[in-house]
Amino acid sequence: MAIKKLILDLDMGANAAYYYNWMKKCQFGMALAYAIASPEVELVGITTCFGNVRVEQSAHNCLAVLDLLGRPEVPVYLGADRPIKATEPYTPPASTTLIHGKNGIGGVPASPYEPVGATSADGNAAVDYLIDAARTYGSDLIYVATGPLSNLALALERDAAAMMSIGRVVVMGGALTVPGNVSAGAEANMASD
């Protein structure tokens, strides 16, 4: 059985400040740890987006966790900094800092590494990377999004054929038998984009 290629799309922040030992409780840290440890997939890259923190902070948080897990070579790409219809970059509410710490993951030390910058025409390196990975890996690619789906939406707008070749897309979002967490019917990741 061929090993599948995996891209995680993360808004790496929040959930961690509740637990200083955040790798045991943080959904994003756990997603990275499972991806790195899995014999079924090869983590080929991480794309980031706004959500619990600004996109730049999300990228730096991903790099810090990768460094902690001994995988600093996994590339991290800056992605969407706002919902598609927004005119300004996303800024989390001040209450987020009070709850989740200044960096969104409880003050975990920063990584010395830098994310892949916004080098594409629209300022979104993650979209370029997603399309390239879709063309390269096709049905062997699994894309897992744990935050707003802006990067996926932008990639679909730019090259739907390439994105439709992906083997599997998994998202963390939605509410089935309970109300949404940002309105009576909407969950945050779905409501964002």
C-alpha atoms as a PDB file:
ATOM      1  CA  MET A   1       0.000   0.000   0.000  1.00  0.00           C
ATOM      2  CA  ALA A   2       1.431   3.368  -1.044  1.00  0.00           C
ATOM      3  CA  ILE A   3       1.901   5.984   1.638  1.00  0.00           C
ATOM      4  CA  LYS A   4      -0.491   8.894   1.132  1.00  0.00           C
ATOM      5  CA  LYS A   5       0.749  12.477   1.128  1.00  0.00           C
ATOM      6  CA  LEU A   6      -0.811  14.781   3.724  1.00  0.00           C
ATOM      7  CA  ILE A   7      -1.237  18.540   3.950  1.00  0.00           C
ATOM      8  CA  LEU A   8      -2.608  19.995   7.186  1.00  0.00           C
ATOM      9  CA  ASP A   9      -4.303  23.406   6.958  1.00  0.00           C
ATOM     10  CA  LEU A  10      -4.217  24.880  10.451  1.00  0.00           C
ATOM     11  CA  ASP A  11      -5.251  27.993  12.313  1.00  0.00           C
ATOM     12  CA  MET A  12      -2.792  26.992  15.031  1.00  0.00           C
ATOM     13  CA  GLY A  13      -3.890  28.738  18.171  1.00  0.00           C
ATOM     14  CA  ALA A  14      -6.298  28.487  21.082  1.00  0.00           C
ATOM     15  CA  ASN A  15      -7.239  25.483  23.170  1.00  0.00           C
ATOM     16  CA  ALA A  16      -3.712  25.373  24.567  1.00  0.00           C
ATOM     17  CA  ALA A  17      -3.795  27.924  27.353  1.00  0.00           C
ATOM     18  CA  TYR A  18      -6.260  25.777  29.250  1.00  0.00           C
ATOM     19  CA  TYR A  19      -3.493  23.191  29.627  1.00  0.00           C
ATOM     20  CA  TYR A  20       0.143  24.150  29.978  1.00  0.00           C
ATOM     21  CA  ASN A  21       1.065  20.626  28.896  1.00  0.00           C
ATOM     22  CA  TRP A  22      -0.667  21.470  25.629  1.00  0.00           C
ATOM     23  CA  MET A  23       0.525  18.520  23.510  1.00  0.00           C
ATOM     24  CA  LYS A  24      -1.811  16.296  25.520  1.00  0.00           C
ATOM     25  CA  LYS A  25      -4.839  18.507  24.975  1.00  0.00           C
ATOM     26  CA  CYS A  26      -4.317  20.832  22.002  1.00  0.00           C
ATOM     27  CA  GLN A  27      -6.189  19.631  18.934  1.00  0.00           C
ATOM     28  CA  PHE A  28      -3.686  21.241  16.577  1.00  0.00           C
ATOM     29  CA  GLY A  29      -0.621  19.893  18.344  1.00  0.00           C
ATOM     30  CA  MET A  30      -2.254  16.480  18.407  1.00  0.00           C
ATOM     31  CA  ALA A  31      -3.050  16.687  14.697  1.00  0.00           C
ATOM     32  CA  LEU A  32       0.617  17.399  13.987  1.00  0.00           C
ATOM     33  CA  ALA A  33       1.847  14.672  16.327  1.00  0.00           C
ATOM     34  CA  TYR A  34      -0.481  12.079  14.781  1.00  0.00           C
ATOM     35  CA  ALA A  35       0.447  13.151  11.249  1.00  0.00           C
ATOM     36  CA  ILE A  36       4.155  12.877  11.978  1.00  0.00           C
ATOM     37  CA  ALA A  37       3.823   9.523  13.759  1.00  0.00           C
ATOM     38  CA  SER A  38       1.449   7.869  11.284  1.00  0.00           C
ATOM     39  CA  PRO A  39       2.908   5.104   9.126  1.00  0.00           C
ATOM     40  CA  GLU A  40       0.044   5.662   6.647  1.00  0.00           C
ATOM     41  CA  VAL A  41       0.854   9.235   5.610  1.00  0.00           C
ATOM     42  CA  GLU A  42       3.785  11.493   4.888  1.00  0.00           C
ATOM     43  CA  LEU A  43       3.270  15.059   6.089  1.00  0.00           C
ATOM     44  CA  VAL A  44       4.490  17.027   3.068  1.00  0.00           C
ATOM     45  CA  GLY A  45       3.467  20.495   4.213  1.00  0.00           C
ATOM     46  CA  ILE A  46       1.328  22.738   6.352  1.00  0.00           C
ATOM     47  CA  THR A  47      -0.769  25.645   5.173  1.00  0.00           C
ATOM     48  CA  THR A  48      -1.986  28.225   7.637  1.00  0.00           C
ATOM     49  CA  CYS A  49      -4.930  30.569   7.821  1.00  0.00           C
ATOM     50  CA  PHE A  50      -6.523  33.119  10.099  1.00  0.00           C
ATOM     51  CA  GLY A  51      -8.895  31.837  12.749  1.00  0.00           C
ATOM     52  CA  ASN A  52      -7.962  31.577  16.378  1.00  0.00           C
ATOM     53  CA  VAL A  53      -5.026  33.920  15.718  1.00  0.00           C
ATOM     54  CA  ARG A  54      -3.722  36.001  12.796  1.00  0.00           C
ATOM     55  CA  VAL A  55      -2.263  33.930   9.944  1.00  0.00           C
ATOM     56  CA  GLU A  56       1.317  34.990  10.699  1.00  0.00           C
ATOM     57  CA  GLN A  57       0.975  33.856  14.313  1.00  0.00           C
ATOM     58  CA  SER A  58      -0.602  30.607  13.165  1.00  0.00           C
ATOM     59  CA  ALA A  59       2.425  29.934  10.942  1.00  0.00           C
ATOM     60  CA  HIS A  60       4.893  30.696  13.740  1.00  0.00           C
ATOM     61  CA  ASN A  61       2.942  28.462  16.122  1.00  0.00           C
ATOM     62  CA  CYS A  62       3.079  25.604  13.589  1.00  0.00           C
ATOM     63  CA  LEU A  63       6.834  26.075  13.253  1.00  0.00           C
ATOM     64  CA  ALA A  64       7.262  26.017  17.048  1.00  0.00           C
ATOM     65  CA  VAL A  65       5.322  22.756  17.353  1.00  0.00           C
ATOM     66  CA  LEU A  66       7.196  21.185  14.432  1.00  0.00           C
ATOM     67  CA  ASP A  67      10.480  22.175  16.074  1.00  0.00           C
ATOM     68  CA  LEU A  68       9.325  20.675  19.378  1.00  0.00           C
ATOM     69  CA  LEU A  69       8.373  17.446  17.582  1.00  0.00           C
ATOM     70  CA  GLY A  70      11.741  17.263  15.820  1.00  0.00           C
ATOM     71  CA  ARG A  71      10.407  17.970  12.309  1.00  0.00           C
ATOM     72  CA  PRO A  72      11.469  21.563  11.524  1.00  0.00           C
ATOM     73  CA  GLU A  73      12.035  20.639   7.859  1.00  0.00           C
ATOM     74  CA  VAL A  74       8.287  20.376   7.138  1.00  0.00           C
ATOM     75  CA  PRO A  75       7.437  23.531   5.168  1.00  0.00           C
ATOM     76  CA  VAL A  76       4.802  25.916   6.535  1.00  0.00           C
ATOM     77  CA  TYR A  77       3.044  28.221   4.056  1.00  0.00           C
ATOM     78  CA  LEU A  78       1.283  31.477   4.871  1.00  0.00           C
ATOM     79  CA  GLY A  79      -2.308  31.341   3.716  1.00  0.00           C
ATOM     80  CA  ALA A  80      -5.472  33.404   3.867  1.00  0.00           C
ATOM     81  CA  ASP A  81      -5.292  36.304   6.283  1.00  0.00           C
ATOM     82  CA  ARG A  82      -9.039  37.027   6.144  1.00  0.00           C
ATOM     83  CA  PRO A  83     -12.383  35.635   5.001  1.00  0.00           C
ATOM     84  CA  ILE A  84     -12.808  35.868   1.219  1.00  0.00           C
ATOM     85  CA  LYS A  85     -15.276  38.766   1.324  1.00  0.00           C
ATOM     86  CA  ALA A  86     -13.405  40.730   4.006  1.00  0.00           C
ATOM     87  CA  THR A  87     -11.512  43.874   3.058  1.00  0.00           C
ATOM     88  CA  GLU A  88      -9.063  43.857   5.981  1.00  0.00           C
ATOM     89  CA  PRO A  89      -6.904  41.121   7.526  1.00  0.00           C
ATOM     90  CA  TYR A  90      -8.524  39.255  10.402  1.00  0.00           C
ATOM     91  CA  THR A  91      -7.736  40.442  13.917  1.00  0.00           C
ATOM     92  CA  PRO A  92      -8.867  38.191  16.751  1.00  0.00           C
ATOM     93  CA  PRO A  93     -10.829  39.834  19.561  1.00  0.00           C
ATOM     94  CA  ALA A  94      -8.863  41.027  22.603  1.00  0.00           C
ATOM     95  CA  SER A  95     -10.546  38.355  24.712  1.00  0.00           C
ATOM     96  CA  THR A  96      -8.625  35.699  22.754  1.00  0.00           C
ATOM     97  CA  THR A  97      -5.345  36.887  24.289  1.00  0.00           C
ATOM     98  CA  LEU A  98      -6.823  36.730  27.778  1.00  0.00           C
ATOM     99  CA  ILE A  99      -8.037  33.179  27.240  1.00  0.00           C
ATOM    100  CA  HIS A 100      -5.335  31.647  25.047  1.00  0.00           C
ATOM    101  CA  GLY A 101      -2.215  33.655  25.816  1.00  0.00           C
ATOM    102  CA  LYS A 102      -0.348  36.232  23.763  1.00  0.00           C
ATOM    103  CA  ASN A 103       0.601  33.819  20.975  1.00  0.00           C
ATOM    104  CA  GLY A 104      -2.596  31.755  21.033  1.00  0.00           C
ATOM    105  CA  ILE A 105      -0.947  28.596  22.331  1.00  0.00           C
ATOM    106  CA  GLY A 106      -0.306  29.461  25.929  1.00  0.00           C
ATOM    107  CA  GLY A 107       3.083  31.114  25.486  1.00  0.00           C
ATOM    108  CA  VAL A 108       4.914  28.155  23.955  1.00  0.00           C
ATOM    109  CA  PRO A 109       8.368  29.443  22.921  1.00  0.00           C
ATOM    110  CA  ALA A 110       8.816  30.647  19.352  1.00  0.00           C
ATOM    111  CA  SER A 111      10.683  28.685  16.690  1.00  0.00           C
ATOM    112  CA  PRO A 112      13.826  30.038  15.022  1.00  0.00           C
ATOM    113  CA  TYR A 113      12.399  29.015  11.627  1.00  0.00           C
ATOM    114  CA  GLU A 114      10.361  31.150   9.240  1.00  0.00           C
ATOM    115  CA  PRO A 115       7.262  30.243   7.201  1.00  0.00           C
ATOM    116  CA  VAL A 116       7.266  30.280   3.419  1.00  0.00           C
ATOM    117  CA  GLY A 117       6.280  33.866   2.681  1.00  0.00           C
ATOM    118  CA  ALA A 118       3.456  35.356   0.710  1.00  0.00           C
ATOM    119  CA  THR A 119       5.132  35.144  -2.689  1.00  0.00           C
ATOM    120  CA  SER A 120       2.171  34.549  -4.966  1.00  0.00           C
ATOM    121  CA  ALA A 121       0.388  37.154  -7.055  1.00  0.00           C
ATOM    122  CA  ASP A 122      -2.509  37.382  -4.589  1.00  0.00           C
ATOM    123  CA  GLY A 123      -0.262  37.217  -1.506  1.00  0.00           C
ATOM    124  CA  ASN A 124      -1.221  33.668  -0.575  1.00  0.00           C
ATOM    125  CA  ALA A 125       1.667  31.165  -0.776  1.00  0.00           C
ATOM    126  CA  ALA A 126      -0.603  28.418   0.619  1.00  0.00           C
ATOM    127  CA  VAL A 127      -2.906  28.512  -2.415  1.00  0.00           C
ATOM    128  CA  ASP A 128       0.032  28.151  -4.812  1.00  0.00           C
ATOM    129  CA  TYR A 129       1.335  25.260  -2.735  1.00  0.00           C
ATOM    130  CA  LEU A 130      -2.056  23.510  -2.568  1.00  0.00           C
ATOM    131  CA  ILE A 131      -2.514  23.668  -6.322  1.00  0.00           C
ATOM    132  CA  ASP A 132       1.029  22.461  -6.968  1.00  0.00           C
ATOM    133  CA  ALA A 133       0.584  19.589  -4.492  1.00  0.00           C
ATOM    134  CA  ALA A 134      -2.750  18.629  -6.080  1.00  0.00           C
ATOM    135  CA  ARG A 135      -1.099  18.511  -9.510  1.00  0.00           C
ATOM    136  CA  THR A 136       1.884  16.573  -8.154  1.00  0.00           C
ATOM    137  CA  TYR A 137       0.141  14.001  -5.941  1.00  0.00           C
ATOM    138  CA  GLY A 138      -3.445  13.857  -7.298  1.00  0.00           C
ATOM    139  CA  SER A 139      -5.422  11.063  -5.696  1.00  0.00           C
ATOM    140  CA  ASP A 140      -2.552  10.261  -3.313  1.00  0.00           C
ATOM    141  CA  LEU A 141      -3.056  13.601  -1.529  1.00  0.00           C
ATOM    142  CA  ILE A 142      -5.119  14.025   1.634  1.00  0.00           C
ATOM    143  CA  TYR A 143      -5.947  17.591   2.671  1.00  0.00           C
ATOM    144  CA  VAL A 144      -7.070  18.137   6.281  1.00  0.00           C
ATOM    145  CA  ALA A 145      -8.411  21.564   7.299  1.00  0.00           C
ATOM    146  CA  THR A 146      -8.989  22.332  10.970  1.00  0.00           C
ATOM    147  CA  GLY A 147      -9.877  26.008  10.549  1.00  0.00           C
ATOM    148  CA  PRO A 148     -11.665  28.284   8.091  1.00  0.00           C
ATOM    149  CA  LEU A 149     -11.742  26.877   4.563  1.00  0.00           C
ATOM    150  CA  SER A 150     -10.493  30.042   2.850  1.00  0.00           C
ATOM    151  CA  ASN A 151      -7.328  28.467   1.402  1.00  0.00           C
ATOM    152  CA  LEU A 152      -9.342  25.614  -0.084  1.00  0.00           C
ATOM    153  CA  ALA A 153     -11.947  27.991  -1.512  1.00  0.00           C
ATOM    154  CA  LEU A 154      -9.285  30.221  -3.085  1.00  0.00           C
ATOM    155  CA  ALA A 155      -7.480  27.210  -4.567  1.00  0.00           C
ATOM    156  CA  LEU A 156     -10.755  25.907  -6.017  1.00  0.00           C
ATOM    157  CA  GLU A 157     -11.456  29.318  -7.572  1.00  0.00           C
ATOM    158  CA  ARG A 158      -8.022  29.405  -9.173  1.00  0.00           C
ATOM    159  CA  ASP A 159      -7.748  25.777 -10.404  1.00  0.00           C
ATOM    160  CA  ALA A 160     -10.792  23.633  -9.719  1.00  0.00           C
ATOM    161  CA  ALA A 161      -9.575  20.780 -11.936  1.00  0.00           C
ATOM    162  CA  ALA A 162      -6.340  20.377  -9.982  1.00  0.00           C
ATOM    163  CA  MET A 163      -8.120  20.600  -6.647  1.00  0.00           C
ATOM    164  CA  MET A 164     -10.768  18.074  -7.695  1.00  0.00           C
ATOM    165  CA  SER A 165      -7.980  15.530  -8.272  1.00  0.00           C
ATOM    166  CA  ILE A 166      -7.198  15.372  -4.536  1.00  0.00           C
ATOM    167  CA  GLY A 167      -7.882  11.941  -3.076  1.00  0.00           C
ATOM    168  CA  ARG A 168      -9.587  13.124   0.098  1.00  0.00           C
ATOM    169  CA  VAL A 169     -10.534  16.357   1.851  1.00  0.00           C
ATOM    170  CA  VAL A 170     -11.285  16.226   5.588  1.00  0.00           C
ATOM    171  CA  VAL A 171     -12.560  19.257   7.487  1.00  0.00           C
ATOM    172  CA  MET A 172     -13.136  20.015  11.143  1.00  0.00           C
ATOM    173  CA  GLY A 173     -16.313  22.028  11.211  1.00  0.00           C
ATOM    174  CA  GLY A 174     -20.041  22.114  11.261  1.00  0.00           C
ATOM    175  CA  ALA A 175     -22.623  21.197  13.843  1.00  0.00           C
ATOM    176  CA  LEU A 176     -24.999  18.300  13.370  1.00  0.00           C
ATOM    177  CA  THR A 177     -27.248  17.792  16.379  1.00  0.00           C
ATOM    178  CA  VAL A 178     -26.355  20.931  18.325  1.00  0.00           C
ATOM    179  CA  PRO A 179     -26.532  24.668  17.622  1.00  0.00           C
ATOM    180  CA  GLY A 180     -23.547  26.420  16.083  1.00  0.00           C
ATOM    181  CA  ASN A 181     -20.954  28.132  18.234  1.00  0.00           C
ATOM    182  CA  VAL A 182     -21.090  31.535  16.487  1.00  0.00           C
ATOM    183  CA  SER A 183     -24.824  31.663  15.752  1.00  0.00           C
ATOM    184  CA  ALA A 184     -27.873  29.477  16.166  1.00  0.00           C
ATOM    185  CA  GLY A 185     -26.984  27.566  13.008  1.00  0.00           C
ATOM    186  CA  ALA A 186     -23.316  28.203  12.214  1.00  0.00           C
ATOM    187  CA  GLU A 187     -20.083  26.776  13.513  1.00  0.00           C
ATOM    188  CA  ALA A 188     -17.022  29.083  13.385  1.00  0.00           C
ATOM    189  CA  ASN A 189     -14.985  27.321  10.692  1.00  0.00           C
ATOM    190  CA  MET A 190     -17.973  27.063   8.357  1.00  0.00           C
ATOM    191  CA  ALA A 191     -19.152  30.597   9.081  1.00  0.00           C
ATOM    192  CA  SER A 192     -15.731  32.104   8.313  1.00  0.00           C
ATOM    193  CA  ASP A 193     -15.732  30.908   4.686  1.00  0.00           C
END
